[in-house]
C-alpha cells in the first residue's frame, strides 16, 4: 500500500472521529484535554486506565486516552465495535489471532474492526499512552480458552 493511500486512510479515520465528536458536542465548543493532566480511572482489566475525552465509553461514541502499564498484557480478546488508536508515548503491542504482529510507537495509527480477535499490551519498559476512539461502546470480550 502506498504512503499516500496510508495517509489517506489515517486522515479519513480521524475525520470520521472528528465528525462524530462534533455531532455529539451539544455546546459546539473547542475541546482541549492535556493527557498529562487528564483524570485516569482504572479500566476493568488490570494494567490499564482510561481518561474519557468526549462521549460515553459505555454507550458510544467516545474518545479517550488509554494508559497501559509497562509490560501490561491482555490475553486474546475482541471488541464489539471498531476501534481507532494513535500512539502518543511508549508502544502498543498487537498480535492478531492469525499471527499478524505490530509494534505501534509514537506517531503510529492503528484501526481494529469489531470482532477482531487479538492479544494486546504495552511496551515492557515504557508501557503505552494512546488516544482511542470509536463510534460504538467500549467492551473487552476475552476469548474462551
Protein backbone atom coordinates (compact mmCIF):
# COMPACT_ATOMS: atom_id res chain seq x y z
CA UNK A 1 0.00 0.00 0.00
CA UNK A 2 1.49 3.37 -0.97
CA UNK A 3 2.28 6.02 1.61
CA UNK A 4 -0.31 8.30 0.02
CA UNK A 5 -3.04 5.70 0.49
CA UNK A 6 -1.95 5.07 4.11
CA UNK A 7 -2.04 8.79 4.88
CA UNK A 8 -5.48 8.99 3.26
CA UNK A 9 -6.76 6.11 5.40
CA UNK A 10 -5.40 7.71 8.61
CA UNK A 11 -6.86 11.11 7.76
CA UNK A 12 -10.17 9.53 6.76
CA UNK A 13 -10.45 7.59 10.02
CA UNK A 14 -9.73 10.63 12.17
CA UNK A 15 -12.06 12.77 10.05
CA UNK A 16 -14.89 10.36 10.84
CA UNK A 17 -13.97 10.58 14.52
CA UNK A 18 -13.97 14.35 14.49
CA UNK A 19 -17.32 14.43 12.68
CA UNK A 20 -18.79 12.11 15.32
CA UNK A 21 -17.26 14.24 18.06
CA UNK A 22 -18.68 17.41 16.54
CA UNK A 23 -22.10 15.80 16.12
CA UNK A 24 -22.17 14.70 19.76
CA UNK A 25 -20.95 18.03 21.13
CA UNK A 26 -24.08 19.89 22.17
CA UNK A 27 -22.18 23.00 23.24
CA UNK A 28 -20.29 23.27 19.93
CA UNK A 29 -17.15 24.46 21.69
CA UNK A 30 -13.48 23.61 21.48
CA UNK A 31 -12.44 20.55 23.48
CA UNK A 32 -8.88 20.58 24.84
CA UNK A 33 -7.51 17.90 27.16
CA UNK A 34 -3.86 17.51 28.12
CA UNK A 35 -3.13 13.80 28.61
CA UNK A 36 -0.55 14.69 31.29
CA UNK A 37 -3.29 16.37 33.36
CA UNK A 38 -6.22 14.09 32.50
CA UNK A 39 -8.00 12.18 35.26
CA UNK A 40 -7.34 8.48 34.59
CA UNK A 41 -9.58 5.84 36.12
CA UNK A 42 -8.73 2.13 36.34
CA UNK A 43 -10.02 0.05 33.45
CA UNK A 44 -11.92 -3.20 34.06
CA UNK A 45 -8.74 -5.10 33.09
CA UNK A 46 -5.78 -4.66 35.48
CA UNK A 47 -2.83 -2.86 33.89
CA UNK A 48 -4.84 -0.22 32.01
CA UNK A 49 -6.53 3.10 32.80
CA UNK A 50 -8.87 5.39 30.83
CA UNK A 51 -9.43 9.16 30.74
CA UNK A 52 -12.55 9.93 28.70
CA UNK A 53 -12.03 12.98 26.49
CA UNK A 54 -15.50 13.10 24.93
CA UNK A 55 -18.60 10.91 24.68
CA UNK A 56 -19.55 7.84 26.69
CA UNK A 57 -17.44 4.66 26.64
CA UNK A 58 -20.35 2.55 27.92
CA UNK A 59 -22.72 3.58 25.12
CA UNK A 60 -20.54 5.15 22.43
CA UNK A 61 -19.40 7.06 20.59
CA UNK A 62 -16.34 8.15 22.58
CA UNK A 63 -12.73 9.31 22.54
CA UNK A 64 -10.34 8.54 25.41
CA UNK A 65 -6.72 8.49 26.44
CA UNK A 66 -5.64 5.00 27.47
CA UNK A 67 -2.58 4.09 29.54
CA UNK A 68 -1.06 0.62 29.61
CA UNK A 69 1.32 -0.10 32.47
CA UNK A 70 4.83 -1.23 31.48
CA UNK A 71 4.63 -4.89 30.48
CA UNK A 72 0.81 -4.99 30.62
CA UNK A 73 -0.56 -7.91 28.63
CA UNK A 74 -4.16 -8.59 27.69
CA UNK A 75 -4.82 -12.16 26.57
CA UNK A 76 -6.67 -12.84 23.33
CA UNK A 77 -9.93 -10.92 23.22
CA UNK A 78 -12.17 -8.93 20.90
CA UNK A 79 -14.28 -5.78 20.98
CA UNK A 80 -17.80 -5.44 19.56
CA UNK A 81 -17.07 -2.02 18.00
CA UNK A 82 -14.39 -0.81 15.60
CA UNK A 83 -11.55 0.95 17.44
CA UNK A 84 -9.11 3.54 16.12
CA UNK A 85 -5.98 4.48 18.05
CA UNK A 86 -2.94 6.71 17.78
CA UNK A 87 0.12 6.13 19.96
CA UNK A 88 1.42 9.12 21.89
CA UNK A 89 4.14 7.55 24.06
CA UNK A 90 5.67 4.11 24.55
CA UNK A 91 4.44 1.33 22.31
CA UNK A 92 1.15 -0.50 21.76
CA UNK A 93 1.75 -4.19 21.05
CA UNK A 94 -0.71 -6.14 18.90
CA UNK A 95 -0.84 -9.76 17.78
CA UNK A 96 -3.80 -10.95 15.75
CA UNK A 97 -5.28 -14.42 16.17
CA UNK A 98 -3.81 -15.37 12.77
CA UNK A 99 -0.29 -14.26 13.75
CA UNK A 100 -0.17 -10.70 12.38
CA UNK A 101 2.04 -8.61 14.71
CA UNK A 102 2.53 -4.87 15.10
CA UNK A 103 4.57 -2.71 17.45
CA UNK A 104 2.98 0.73 17.16
CA UNK A 105 5.16 3.52 18.55
CA UNK A 106 4.65 7.28 18.86
CA UNK A 107 3.03 8.72 15.74
CA UNK A 108 1.55 5.38 14.63
CA UNK A 109 -2.13 4.83 13.88
CA UNK A 110 -3.98 1.53 14.03
CA UNK A 111 -7.61 0.53 13.47
CA UNK A 112 -9.12 -2.77 14.55
CA UNK A 113 -12.53 -3.87 13.30
CA UNK A 114 -15.16 -5.06 15.76
CA UNK A 115 -14.83 -8.82 16.24
CA UNK A 116 -11.07 -8.88 15.57
CA UNK A 117 -9.52 -11.45 17.92
CA UNK A 118 -6.15 -10.25 19.17
CA UNK A 119 -3.72 -10.03 22.03
CA UNK A 120 -2.51 -6.57 23.06
CA UNK A 121 -0.23 -4.92 25.57
CA UNK A 122 2.22 -2.17 26.40
CA UNK A 123 5.97 -1.88 25.97
CA UNK A 124 7.92 -3.81 28.61
CA UNK A 125 9.71 -0.68 29.90
CA UNK A 126 7.53 2.30 28.95
CA UNK A 127 4.03 0.89 28.70
CA UNK A 128 1.88 2.92 26.32
CA UNK A 129 -0.18 6.08 26.17
CA UNK A 130 -2.66 6.10 23.30
CA UNK A 131 -5.64 8.09 22.11
CA UNK A 132 -8.51 5.74 21.19
CA UNK A 133 -11.94 6.42 19.73
CA UNK A 134 -14.94 4.54 18.46
CA UNK A 135 -18.40 5.13 17.04
CA UNK A 136 -19.67 2.40 19.39
CA UNK A 137 -19.25 1.38 23.01
CA UNK A 138 -16.04 0.02 24.51
CA UNK A 139 -16.04 -3.55 25.71
CA UNK A 140 -13.42 -6.28 26.10
CA UNK A 141 -14.61 -9.83 25.49
CA UNK A 142 -12.00 -12.44 26.45
CA UNK A 143 -11.74 -15.46 24.14
CA UNK A 144 -12.68 -18.76 25.69
CA UNK A 145 -9.66 -20.95 26.32
